[in-house]
C-alpha atoms as a PDB file:
ATOM      1  CA  UNK A   1      23.925  43.008 -10.574  1.00  0.00           C
ATOM      2  CA  UNK A   2      20.284  42.072 -10.293  1.00  0.00           C
ATOM      3  CA  UNK A   3      18.541  45.233  -9.046  1.00  0.00           C
ATOM      4  CA  UNK A   4      15.701  43.537  -7.576  1.00  0.00           C
ATOM      5  CA  UNK A   5      17.556  40.955  -5.679  1.00  0.00           C
ATOM      6  CA  UNK A   6      19.590  43.689  -4.364  1.00  0.00           C
ATOM      7  CA  UNK A   7      16.639  45.598  -3.231  1.00  0.00           C
ATOM      8  CA  UNK A   8      15.331  42.583  -1.480  1.00  0.00           C
ATOM      9  CA  UNK A   9      18.604  42.048   0.395  1.00  0.00           C
ATOM     10  CA  UNK A  10      18.821  45.567   1.154  1.00  0.00           C
ATOM     11  CA  UNK A  11      15.183  45.590   2.570  1.00  0.00           C
ATOM     12  CA  UNK A  12      16.082  42.352   4.664  1.00  0.00           C
ATOM     13  CA  UNK A  13      19.208  43.958   6.191  1.00  0.00           C
ATOM     14  CA  UNK A  14      17.355  47.057   7.089  1.00  0.00           C
ATOM     15  CA  UNK A  15      14.613  45.079   8.858  1.00  0.00           C
ATOM     16  CA  UNK A  16      17.023  42.826  10.682  1.00  0.00           C
ATOM     17  CA  UNK A  17      19.770  45.126  11.292  1.00  0.00           C
ATOM     18  CA  UNK A  18      22.248  42.371  10.683  1.00  0.00           C
ATOM     19  CA  UNK A  19      24.294  41.153   7.739  1.00  0.00           C
ATOM     20  CA  UNK A  20      24.746  37.862   9.455  1.00  0.00           C
ATOM     21  CA  UNK A  21      21.129  37.472  10.081  1.00  0.00           C
ATOM     22  CA  UNK A  22      20.250  37.963   6.478  1.00  0.00           C
ATOM     23  CA  UNK A  23      23.016  35.531   5.402  1.00  0.00           C
ATOM     24  CA  UNK A  24      21.515  32.779   7.490  1.00  0.00           C
ATOM     25  CA  UNK A  25      18.052  33.356   5.979  1.00  0.00           C
ATOM     26  CA  UNK A  26      19.536  33.394   2.439  1.00  0.00           C
ATOM     27  CA  UNK A  27      21.720  30.350   3.394  1.00  0.00           C
ATOM     28  CA  UNK A  28      24.768  32.114   1.840  1.00  0.00           C
ATOM     29  CA  UNK A  29      27.994  33.548   3.535  1.00  0.00           C
ATOM     30  CA  UNK A  30      27.925  36.964   5.254  1.00  0.00           C
ATOM     31  CA  UNK A  31      30.306  38.104   2.697  1.00  0.00           C
ATOM     32  CA  UNK A  32      28.084  37.537  -0.081  1.00  0.00           C
ATOM     33  CA  UNK A  33      25.348  39.963   1.544  1.00  0.00           C
ATOM     34  CA  UNK A  34      28.040  42.518   2.286  1.00  0.00           C
ATOM     35  CA  UNK A  35      29.471  42.525  -1.183  1.00  0.00           C
ATOM     36  CA  UNK A  36      25.605  42.891  -2.747  1.00  0.00           C
ATOM     37  CA  UNK A  37      24.923  45.957  -0.525  1.00  0.00           C
ATOM     38  CA  UNK A  38      28.392  47.453  -1.389  1.00  0.00           C
ATOM     39  CA  UNK A  39      27.687  46.781  -4.988  1.00  0.00           C
ATOM     40  CA  UNK A  40      24.254  48.393  -4.709  1.00  0.00           C
ATOM     41  CA  UNK A  41      25.626  51.577  -2.926  1.00  0.00           C
ATOM     42  CA  UNK A  42      28.324  51.805  -5.788  1.00  0.00           C
ATOM     43  CA  UNK A  43      25.510  51.715  -8.426  1.00  0.00           C
ATOM     44  CA  UNK A  44      23.595  54.197  -6.654  1.00  0.00           C
ATOM     45  CA  UNK A  45      26.594  56.452  -5.978  1.00  0.00           C
ATOM     46  CA  UNK A  46      25.334  56.784  -2.330  1.00  0.00           C
ATOM     47  CA  UNK A  47      25.818  55.569   1.154  1.00  0.00           C
ATOM     48  CA  UNK A  48      22.830  53.631   2.518  1.00  0.00           C
ATOM     49  CA  UNK A  49      24.001  52.256   5.519  1.00  0.00           C
ATOM     50  CA  UNK A  50      26.513  53.313   8.186  1.00  0.00           C
ATOM     51  CA  UNK A  51      28.169  50.543   9.932  1.00  0.00           C
ATOM     52  CA  UNK A  52      29.834  50.070  13.176  1.00  0.00           C
ATOM     53  CA  UNK A  53      31.266  47.244  15.349  1.00  0.00           C
ATOM     54  CA  UNK A  54      27.865  46.834  17.037  1.00  0.00           C
ATOM     55  CA  UNK A  55      25.083  47.838  14.885  1.00  0.00           C
ATOM     56  CA  UNK A  56      23.835  48.976  11.256  1.00  0.00           C
ATOM     57  CA  UNK A  57      22.233  52.372  10.904  1.00  0.00           C
ATOM     58  CA  UNK A  58      20.379  53.626   7.687  1.00  0.00           C
ATOM     59  CA  UNK A  59      21.635  56.956   6.532  1.00  0.00           C
ATOM     60  CA  UNK A  60      19.026  59.601   5.515  1.00  0.00           C
ATOM     61  CA  UNK A  61      19.198  58.256   1.819  1.00  0.00           C
ATOM     62  CA  UNK A  62      19.005  54.820   3.078  1.00  0.00           C
ATOM     63  CA  UNK A  63      15.854  55.448   4.940  1.00  0.00           C
ATOM     64  CA  UNK A  64      14.313  57.150   1.807  1.00  0.00           C
ATOM     65  CA  UNK A  65      15.371  54.150  -0.549  1.00  0.00           C
ATOM     66  CA  UNK A  66      13.819  51.991   1.779  1.00  0.00           C
ATOM     67  CA  UNK A  67      10.626  53.207   1.480  1.00  0.00           C
ATOM     68  CA  UNK A  68      10.800  53.210  -2.345  1.00  0.00           C
ATOM     69  CA  UNK A  69      12.031  49.597  -2.386  1.00  0.00           C
ATOM     70  CA  UNK A  70       8.887  48.433  -0.295  1.00  0.00           C
ATOM     71  CA  UNK A  71       6.647  50.233  -2.634  1.00  0.00           C
ATOM     72  CA  UNK A  72       8.542  48.481  -5.693  1.00  0.00           C
ATOM     73  CA  UNK A  73       8.544  45.378  -4.138  1.00  0.00           C
ATOM     74  CA  UNK A  74       5.025  45.244  -3.228  1.00  0.00           C
ATOM     75  CA  UNK A  75       4.140  46.105  -6.711  1.00  0.00           C
ATOM     76  CA  UNK A  76       6.039  43.376  -8.256  1.00  0.00           C
ATOM     77  CA  UNK A  77       4.446  41.181  -5.729  1.00  0.00           C
ATOM     78  CA  UNK A  78       0.941  42.402  -6.613  1.00  0.00           C
ATOM     79  CA  UNK A  79       1.838  41.978 -10.527  1.00  0.00           C
ATOM     80  CA  UNK A  80       2.975  38.257  -9.913  1.00  0.00           C
ATOM     81  CA  UNK A  81       0.279  37.220  -7.588  1.00  0.00           C
ATOM     82  CA  UNK A  82      -2.631  38.715  -9.580  1.00  0.00           C
ATOM     83  CA  UNK A  83      -1.825  36.314 -12.533  1.00  0.00           C
ATOM     84  CA  UNK A  84      -2.691  33.203 -10.501  1.00  0.00           C
ATOM     85  CA  UNK A  85      -4.393  34.520  -7.330  1.00  0.00           C
ATOM     86  CA  UNK A  86      -7.680  32.611  -7.705  1.00  0.00           C
ATOM     87  CA  UNK A  87      -5.451  29.309  -7.620  1.00  0.00           C
ATOM     88  CA  UNK A  88      -2.558  30.511  -5.630  1.00  0.00           C
ATOM     89  CA  UNK A  89      -1.162  28.546  -2.844  1.00  0.00           C
ATOM     90  CA  UNK A  90      -0.504  31.475  -0.139  1.00  0.00           C
ATOM     91  CA  UNK A  91       3.185  32.155   0.180  1.00  0.00           C
ATOM     92  CA  UNK A  92       5.512  34.919   1.244  1.00  0.00           C
ATOM     93  CA  UNK A  93       6.207  36.913   4.437  1.00  0.00           C
ATOM     94  CA  UNK A  94       3.662  38.658   6.595  1.00  0.00           C
ATOM     95  CA  UNK A  95       4.795  41.111   9.064  1.00  0.00           C
ATOM     96  CA  UNK A  96       2.019  41.268  11.738  1.00  0.00           C
ATOM     97  CA  UNK A  97       1.608  43.499  14.875  1.00  0.00           C
ATOM     98  CA  UNK A  98      -0.409  42.139  17.527  1.00  0.00           C
ATOM     99  CA  UNK A  99      -1.586  43.849  21.083  1.00  0.00           C
ATOM    100  CA  UNK A 100       0.350  42.100  23.782  1.00  0.00           C
ATOM    101  CA  UNK A 101      -1.954  40.088  25.761  1.00  0.00           C
ATOM    102  CA  UNK A 102      -4.580  39.411  23.091  1.00  0.00           C
ATOM    103  CA  UNK A 103      -1.998  38.472  20.884  1.00  0.00           C
ATOM    104  CA  UNK A 104      -0.724  35.858  23.276  1.00  0.00           C
ATOM    105  CA  UNK A 105      -3.855  34.720  24.851  1.00  0.00           C
ATOM    106  CA  UNK A 106      -6.228  34.583  21.927  1.00  0.00           C
ATOM    107  CA  UNK A 107      -4.201  34.613  18.856  1.00  0.00           C
ATOM    108  CA  UNK A 108      -0.987  32.862  19.134  1.00  0.00           C
ATOM    109  CA  UNK A 109      -2.802  29.412  19.279  1.00  0.00           C
ATOM    110  CA  UNK A 110      -4.476  30.329  15.967  1.00  0.00           C
ATOM    111  CA  UNK A 111      -1.588  31.546  14.128  1.00  0.00           C
ATOM    112  CA  UNK A 112       0.199  28.625  15.102  1.00  0.00           C
ATOM    113  CA  UNK A 113      -2.468  26.680  13.527  1.00  0.00           C
ATOM    114  CA  UNK A 114      -2.266  29.007  10.526  1.00  0.00           C
ATOM    115  CA  UNK A 115       1.428  28.478  10.072  1.00  0.00           C
ATOM    116  CA  UNK A 116       1.185  24.710  10.190  1.00  0.00           C
ATOM    117  CA  UNK A 117      -1.552  24.967   7.557  1.00  0.00           C
ATOM    118  CA  UNK A 118       0.298  27.166   5.431  1.00  0.00           C
ATOM    119  CA  UNK A 119       3.891  26.106   5.007  1.00  0.00           C
ATOM    120  CA  UNK A 120       4.868  28.616   2.489  1.00  0.00           C
ATOM    121  CA  UNK A 121       3.896  31.654   4.436  1.00  0.00           C
ATOM    122  CA  UNK A 122       6.387  33.247   6.771  1.00  0.00           C
ATOM    123  CA  UNK A 123       5.015  34.885   9.970  1.00  0.00           C
ATOM    124  CA  UNK A 124       7.066  37.794  11.633  1.00  0.00           C
ATOM    125  CA  UNK A 125       5.128  38.698  14.886  1.00  0.00           C
ATOM    126  CA  UNK A 126       5.537  41.822  16.893  1.00  0.00           C
ATOM    127  CA  UNK A 127       3.747  41.850  20.130  1.00  0.00           C
ATOM    128  CA  UNK A 128       3.257  45.412  21.665  1.00  0.00           C
ATOM    129  CA  UNK A 129       0.374  47.520  22.810  1.00  0.00           C
ATOM    130  CA  UNK A 130       2.068  50.525  21.174  1.00  0.00           C
ATOM    131  CA  UNK A 131       0.507  51.855  18.041  1.00  0.00           C
ATOM    132  CA  UNK A 132       2.410  50.826  15.036  1.00  0.00           C
ATOM    133  CA  UNK A 133       3.025  53.112  11.925  1.00  0.00           C
ATOM    134  CA  UNK A 134       2.365  50.562   9.391  1.00  0.00           C
ATOM    135  CA  UNK A 135       4.116  52.226   6.505  1.00  0.00           C
ATOM    136  CA  UNK A 136       7.144  53.378   8.283  1.00  0.00           C
ATOM    137  CA  UNK A 137       7.536  49.759  10.138  1.00  0.00           C
ATOM    138  CA  UNK A 138       6.694  47.782   7.124  1.00  0.00           C
ATOM    139  CA  UNK A 139       3.693  46.182   8.727  1.00  0.00           C
ATOM    140  CA  UNK A 140       1.465  44.341   6.397  1.00  0.00           C
ATOM    141  CA  UNK A 141      -1.308  43.888   9.041  1.00  0.00           C
ATOM    142  CA  UNK A 142      -2.102  45.008  12.604  1.00  0.00           C
ATOM    143  CA  UNK A 143      -4.706  43.668  14.901  1.00  0.00           C
ATOM    144  CA  UNK A 144      -6.217  46.436  17.100  1.00  0.00           C
ATOM    145  CA  UNK A 145      -8.822  46.444  19.753  1.00  0.00           C
ATOM    146  CA  UNK A 146     -10.241  49.903  20.108  1.00  0.00           C
ATOM    147  CA  UNK A 147     -13.375  52.243  19.946  1.00  0.00           C
ATOM    148  CA  UNK A 148     -11.243  55.170  18.448  1.00  0.00           C
ATOM    149  CA  UNK A 149     -10.731  54.545  14.781  1.00  0.00           C
ATOM    150  CA  UNK A 150      -8.370  56.806  13.184  1.00  0.00           C
ATOM    151  CA  UNK A 151      -9.420  58.986   9.943  1.00  0.00           C
ATOM    152  CA  UNK A 152      -7.960  57.106   7.163  1.00  0.00           C
ATOM    153  CA  UNK A 153      -7.538  53.645   8.881  1.00  0.00           C
ATOM    154  CA  UNK A 154      -8.116  50.868   6.208  1.00  0.00           C
ATOM    155  CA  UNK A 155      -9.641  48.170   8.130  1.00  0.00           C
ATOM    156  CA  UNK A 156     -11.835  44.886   8.546  1.00  0.00           C
ATOM    157  CA  UNK A 157     -13.610  44.166  11.820  1.00  0.00           C
ATOM    158  CA  UNK A 158     -12.800  40.807  12.721  1.00  0.00           C
ATOM    159  CA  UNK A 159     -14.815  40.684  16.273  1.00  0.00           C
ATOM    160  CA  UNK A 160     -15.630  42.476  19.152  1.00  0.00           C
ATOM    161  CA  UNK A 161     -14.935  42.249  22.909  1.00  0.00           C
ATOM    162  CA  UNK A 162     -16.609  43.695  25.881  1.00  0.00           C
ATOM    163  CA  UNK A 163     -14.968  45.421  28.956  1.00  0.00           C
ATOM    164  CA  UNK A 164     -15.690  43.896  32.372  1.00  0.00           C
ATOM    165  CA  UNK A 165     -15.322  45.632  35.818  1.00  0.00           C
ATOM    166  CA  UNK A 166     -14.306  43.280  38.321  1.00  0.00           C
ATOM    167  CA  UNK A 167     -13.311  42.903  41.840  1.00  0.00           C
ATOM    168  CA  UNK A 168     -12.368  40.032  44.471  1.00  0.00           C
ATOM    169  CA  UNK A 169     -15.124  39.085  46.862  1.00  0.00           C
ATOM    170  CA  UNK A 170     -12.830  39.739  49.758  1.00  0.00           C
ATOM    171  CA  UNK A 171     -12.304  43.493  48.331  1.00  0.00           C
ATOM    172  CA  UNK A 172     -16.053  43.896  48.137  1.00  0.00           C
ATOM    173  CA  UNK A 173     -16.624  42.651  51.533  1.00  0.00           C
ATOM    174  CA  UNK A 174     -14.045  44.739  53.134  1.00  0.00           C
ATOM    175  CA  UNK A 175     -14.991  47.960  51.080  1.00  0.00           C
ATOM    176  CA  UNK A 176     -18.402  47.608  49.962  1.00  0.00           C
ATOM    177  CA  UNK A 177     -19.588  47.235  46.285  1.00  0.00           C
ATOM    178  CA  UNK A 178     -20.093  50.490  44.032  1.00  0.00           C
ATOM    179  CA  UNK A 179     -23.529  50.611  42.489  1.00  0.00           C
ATOM    180  CA  UNK A 180     -22.730  53.390  40.186  1.00  0.00           C
ATOM    181  CA  UNK A 181     -19.584  54.302  38.176  1.00  0.00           C
ATOM    182  CA  UNK A 182     -19.306  57.738  40.054  1.00  0.00           C
ATOM    183  CA  UNK A 183     -18.772  55.784  43.255  1.00  0.00           C
ATOM    184  CA  UNK A 184     -15.451  54.504  41.858  1.00  0.00           C
ATOM    185  CA  UNK A 185     -13.494  57.615  43.062  1.00  0.00           C
ATOM    186  CA  UNK A 186     -13.806  56.408  46.461  1.00  0.00           C
ATOM    187  CA  UNK A 187     -12.349  52.946  45.583  1.00  0.00           C
ATOM    188  CA  UNK A 188      -8.708  51.738  44.893  1.00  0.00           C
ATOM    189  CA  UNK A 189      -8.746  51.082  41.002  1.00  0.00           C
ATOM    190  CA  UNK A 190      -6.044  49.404  39.101  1.00  0.00           C
ATOM    191  CA  UNK A 191      -5.160  51.353  36.253  1.00  0.00           C
ATOM    192  CA  UNK A 192      -3.880  50.290  32.792  1.00  0.00           C
ATOM    193  CA  UNK A 193      -1.021  52.661  32.446  1.00  0.00           C
ATOM    194  CA  UNK A 194       2.666  53.077  33.042  1.00  0.00           C
ATOM    195  CA  UNK A 195       2.586  56.818  33.056  1.00  0.00           C
ATOM    196  CA  UNK A 196      -0.053  57.568  35.737  1.00  0.00           C
ATOM    197  CA  UNK A 197      -1.960  56.133  38.498  1.00  0.00           C
ATOM    198  CA  UNK A 198      -5.115  58.002  37.318  1.00  0.00           C
ATOM    199  CA  UNK A 199      -7.393  57.300  34.469  1.00  0.00           C
ATOM    200  CA  UNK A 200     -11.116  57.789  33.054  1.00  0.00           C
ATOM    201  CA  UNK A 201     -13.074  54.766  32.500  1.00  0.00           C
ATOM    202  CA  UNK A 202     -16.115  54.625  30.074  1.00  0.00           C
ATOM    203  CA  UNK A 203     -19.599  53.802  31.164  1.00  0.00           C
ATOM    204  CA  UNK A 204     -22.858  53.727  29.530  1.00  0.00           C
ATOM    205  CA  UNK A 205     -25.441  55.942  31.232  1.00  0.00           C
ATOM    206  CA  UNK A 206     -28.620  55.845  29.059  1.00  0.00           C
ATOM    207  CA  UNK A 207     -27.604  56.447  25.511  1.00  0.00           C
ATOM    208  CA  UNK A 208     -24.499  58.325  26.289  1.00  0.00           C
ATOM    209  CA  UNK A 209     -20.750  57.072  27.223  1.00  0.00           C
ATOM    210  CA  UNK A 210     -19.509  59.066  30.211  1.00  0.00           C
ATOM    211  CA  UNK A 211     -15.889  59.063  31.511  1.00  0.00           C
ATOM    212  CA  UNK A 212     -15.522  58.602  35.222  1.00  0.00           C
ATOM    213  CA  UNK A 213     -12.215  59.428  36.858  1.00  0.00           C
ATOM    214  CA  UNK A 214     -10.591  56.580  39.016  1.00  0.00           C
ATOM    215  CA  UNK A 215      -7.281  56.360  40.654  1.00  0.00           C
ATOM    216  CA  UNK A 216      -5.137  53.606  42.447  1.00  0.00           C
ATOM    217  CA  UNK A 217      -2.031  52.881  43.837  1.00  0.00           C
ATOM    218  CA  UNK A 218      -1.200  50.108  41.500  1.00  0.00           C
ATOM    219  CA  UNK A 219      -0.960  50.764  37.680  1.00  0.00           C
ATOM    220  CA  UNK A 220       0.647  48.663  34.795  1.00  0.00           C
ATOM    221  CA  UNK A 221       0.642  48.295  31.330  1.00  0.00           C
ATOM    222  CA  UNK A 222      -0.413  44.922  31.213  1.00  0.00           C
ATOM    223  CA  UNK A 223      -4.027  43.547  31.859  1.00  0.00           C
ATOM    224  CA  UNK A 224      -3.217  40.018  33.317  1.00  0.00           C
ATOM    225  CA  UNK A 225      -0.794  41.618  36.061  1.00  0.00           C
ATOM    226  CA  UNK A 226      -3.745  43.916  37.110  1.00  0.00           C
ATOM    227  CA  UNK A 227      -6.130  41.192  37.179  1.00  0.00           C
ATOM    228  CA  UNK A 228      -3.623  39.209  39.398  1.00  0.00           C
ATOM    229  CA  UNK A 229      -3.595  42.141  41.760  1.00  0.00           C
ATOM    230  CA  UNK A 230      -7.448  42.311  41.428  1.00  0.00           C
ATOM    231  CA  UNK A 231      -7.777  38.548  42.492  1.00  0.00           C
ATOM    232  CA  UNK A 232      -5.592  39.615  45.331  1.00  0.00           C
ATOM    233  CA  UNK A 233      -8.067  42.041  46.628  1.00  0.00           C
ATOM    234  CA  UNK A 234      -5.818  45.124  45.698  1.00  0.00           C
ATOM    235  CA  UNK A 235      -8.812  46.891  44.108  1.00  0.00           C
ATOM    236  CA  UNK A 236     -11.019  47.087  41.155  1.00  0.00           C
ATOM    237  CA  UNK A 237     -10.072  46.679  37.451  1.00  0.00           C
ATOM    238  CA  UNK A 238     -11.716  47.498  33.935  1.00  0.00           C
ATOM    239  CA  UNK A 239     -10.359  44.465  31.566  1.00  0.00           C
ATOM    240  CA  UNK A 240     -11.730  43.078  28.304  1.00  0.00           C
ATOM    241  CA  UNK A 241     -13.593  39.793  28.593  1.00  0.00           C
ATOM    242  CA  UNK A 242     -10.717  37.618  27.190  1.00  0.00           C
ATOM    243  CA  UNK A 243      -8.568  38.368  30.140  1.00  0.00           C
ATOM    244  CA  UNK A 244     -11.194  38.805  32.869  1.00  0.00           C
ATOM    245  CA  UNK A 245     -13.389  35.689  31.996  1.00  0.00           C
ATOM    246  CA  UNK A 246     -11.050  33.071  33.200  1.00  0.00           C
ATOM    247  CA  UNK A 247     -10.667  34.704  36.635  1.00  0.00           C
ATOM    248  CA  UNK A 248     -14.524  35.074  36.746  1.00  0.00           C
ATOM    249  CA  UNK A 249     -14.787  31.460  35.892  1.00  0.00           C
ATOM    250  CA  UNK A 250     -12.398  30.413  38.851  1.00  0.00           C
ATOM    251  CA  UNK A 251     -14.385  32.722  41.003  1.00  0.00           C
ATOM    252  CA  UNK A 252     -11.355  34.636  42.006  1.00  0.00           C
ATOM    253  CA  UNK A 253     -13.163  37.822  40.855  1.00  0.00           C
ATOM    254  CA  UNK A 254     -16.718  38.787  40.135  1.00  0.00           C
ATOM    255  CA  UNK A 255     -18.223  41.213  37.632  1.00  0.00           C
ATOM    256  CA  UNK A 256     -19.909  44.539  38.943  1.00  0.00           C
ATOM    257  CA  UNK A 257     -21.668  47.496  37.407  1.00  0.00           C
ATOM    258  CA  UNK A 258     -22.475  45.261  34.377  1.00  0.00           C
ATOM    259  CA  UNK A 259     -25.644  47.533  33.952  1.00  0.00           C
ATOM    260  CA  UNK A 260     -23.427  50.379  33.129  1.00  0.00           C
ATOM    261  CA  UNK A 261     -20.790  48.353  30.736  1.00  0.00           C
ATOM    262  CA  UNK A 262     -20.080  50.365  27.475  1.00  0.00           C
ATOM    263  CA  UNK A 263     -20.594  49.253  24.140  1.00  0.00           C
ATOM    264  CA  UNK A 264     -18.156  46.287  22.970  1.00  0.00           C
ATOM    265  CA  UNK A 265     -14.760  47.417  21.561  1.00  0.00           C
ATOM    266  CA  UNK A 266     -14.013  46.613  17.837  1.00  0.00           C
ATOM    267  CA  UNK A 267     -11.273  44.031  16.910  1.00  0.00           C
ATOM    268  CA  UNK A 268      -9.706  45.216  13.872  1.00  0.00           C
ATOM    269  CA  UNK A 269      -7.357  44.057  10.930  1.00  0.00           C
ATOM    270  CA  UNK A 270      -5.710  47.321  10.042  1.00  0.00           C
ATOM    271  CA  UNK A 271      -3.925  47.570   6.654  1.00  0.00           C
ATOM    272  CA  UNK A 272      -1.164  49.867   5.350  1.00  0.00           C
ATOM    273  CA  UNK A 273      -2.720  50.499   1.981  1.00  0.00           C
ATOM    274  CA  UNK A 274      -6.049  49.845  -0.022  1.00  0.00           C
ATOM    275  CA  UNK A 275      -4.196  49.751  -3.348  1.00  0.00           C
ATOM    276  CA  UNK A 276      -3.308  45.976  -2.973  1.00  0.00           C
ATOM    277  CA  UNK A 277      -3.890  43.282  -0.451  1.00  0.00           C
ATOM    278  CA  UNK A 278      -1.421  40.440  -1.103  1.00  0.00           C
ATOM    279  CA  UNK A 279      -3.132  37.036  -1.348  1.00  0.00           C
ATOM    280  CA  UNK A 280      -1.310  35.702   1.692  1.00  0.00           C
ATOM    281  CA  UNK A 281      -2.654  38.702   3.918  1.00  0.00           C
ATOM    282  CA  UNK A 282      -6.201  38.344   2.646  1.00  0.00           C
ATOM    283  CA  UNK A 283      -6.127  34.604   3.305  1.00  0.00           C
ATOM    284  CA  UNK A 284      -4.881  35.388   6.965  1.00  0.00           C
ATOM    285  CA  UNK A 285      -7.625  38.013   7.452  1.00  0.00           C
ATOM    286  CA  UNK A 286     -10.286  35.612   6.425  1.00  0.00           C
ATOM    287  CA  UNK A 287      -8.799  32.858   8.900  1.00  0.00           C
ATOM    288  CA  UNK A 288      -8.586  35.194  11.718  1.00  0.00           C
ATOM    289  CA  UNK A 289     -12.118  36.307  11.010  1.00  0.00           C
ATOM    290  CA  UNK A 290     -13.253  32.845  11.270  1.00  0.00           C
ATOM    291  CA  UNK A 291     -11.502  32.222  14.306  1.00  0.00           C
ATOM    292  CA  UNK A 292     -12.935  35.371  16.088  1.00  0.00           C
ATOM    293  CA  UNK A 293     -16.419  34.556  14.723  1.00  0.00           C
ATOM    294  CA  UNK A 294     -16.581  37.708  12.804  1.00  0.00           C
ATOM    295  CA  UNK A 295     -16.423  36.098   9.035  1.00  0.00           C
ATOM    296  CA  UNK A 296     -18.092  38.009   6.764  1.00  0.00           C
ATOM    297  CA  UNK A 297     -17.546  41.418   8.217  1.00  0.00           C
ATOM    298  CA  UNK A 298     -17.183  44.126   5.552  1.00  0.00           C
ATOM    299  CA  UNK A 299     -13.979  45.855   4.529  1.00  0.00           C
ATOM    300  CA  UNK A 300     -14.196  49.344   5.822  1.00  0.00           C
ATOM    301  CA  UNK A 301     -12.708  51.980   3.513  1.00  0.00           C
ATOM    302  CA  UNK A 302     -11.917  49.337   1.014  1.00  0.00           C
ATOM    303  CA  UNK A 303     -13.312  49.116  -2.589  1.00  0.00           C
END
């Protein structure tokens, strides 16, 4: 049994949750994958995967082994890539976590161009606004839009975006236009949330950013949905420029409170480790930095 091949197969099975899917990826019969995992379990004298008719579940030993396999395979990849990295053609798999709306609206066209230009790179895209645990989920690179960087984050700033406060002309004609963020408490505000219809929105007063409470009858975890409601005169929204500007351009909404707009949010590429950045991941980061006109930004926390 080739231990490295067995590790790679085990990692694939753990990631996909399916023997059949891995067999299709490797262009082999399902029985080949099953036998390889069984041989690995026999060699280790431990159960790695619990099988049922509908699903596969890692045992405690399997979860621990998975993390070690990822470390070992990454080190092997690093050792091989470092020999020829200067002249290397990017190749291999990149697991990429993307914020939902920004990923679909701004990054997806660029990622398709990247995939066409790099035929040896395999992209696995996960669209979600939930913060990913890069190590636990096996994510190579996550894109985050935030002003709240976490201690220990290993990142590169790719760009920035502004937050715009917008409302439909019809809403402002009916309810009046707020001229100060404190007046928002008297308005219907469209809140980005699925757990509450209340929130605090940040605005710049002098040199300080202050949080102003808002509330409304409509809340959602998707910015485009909230902007559609805004365009229908349902209330006031605070949304990033990449989502709001098309609505402004079509004159469906207008920007308000622009004198109090907070500092731009950073658009960051976040890495799981600074010990080694695979060549394919570094190439993708450089490409996205160029797309977002952030080329040349420094790698924070990296040697």
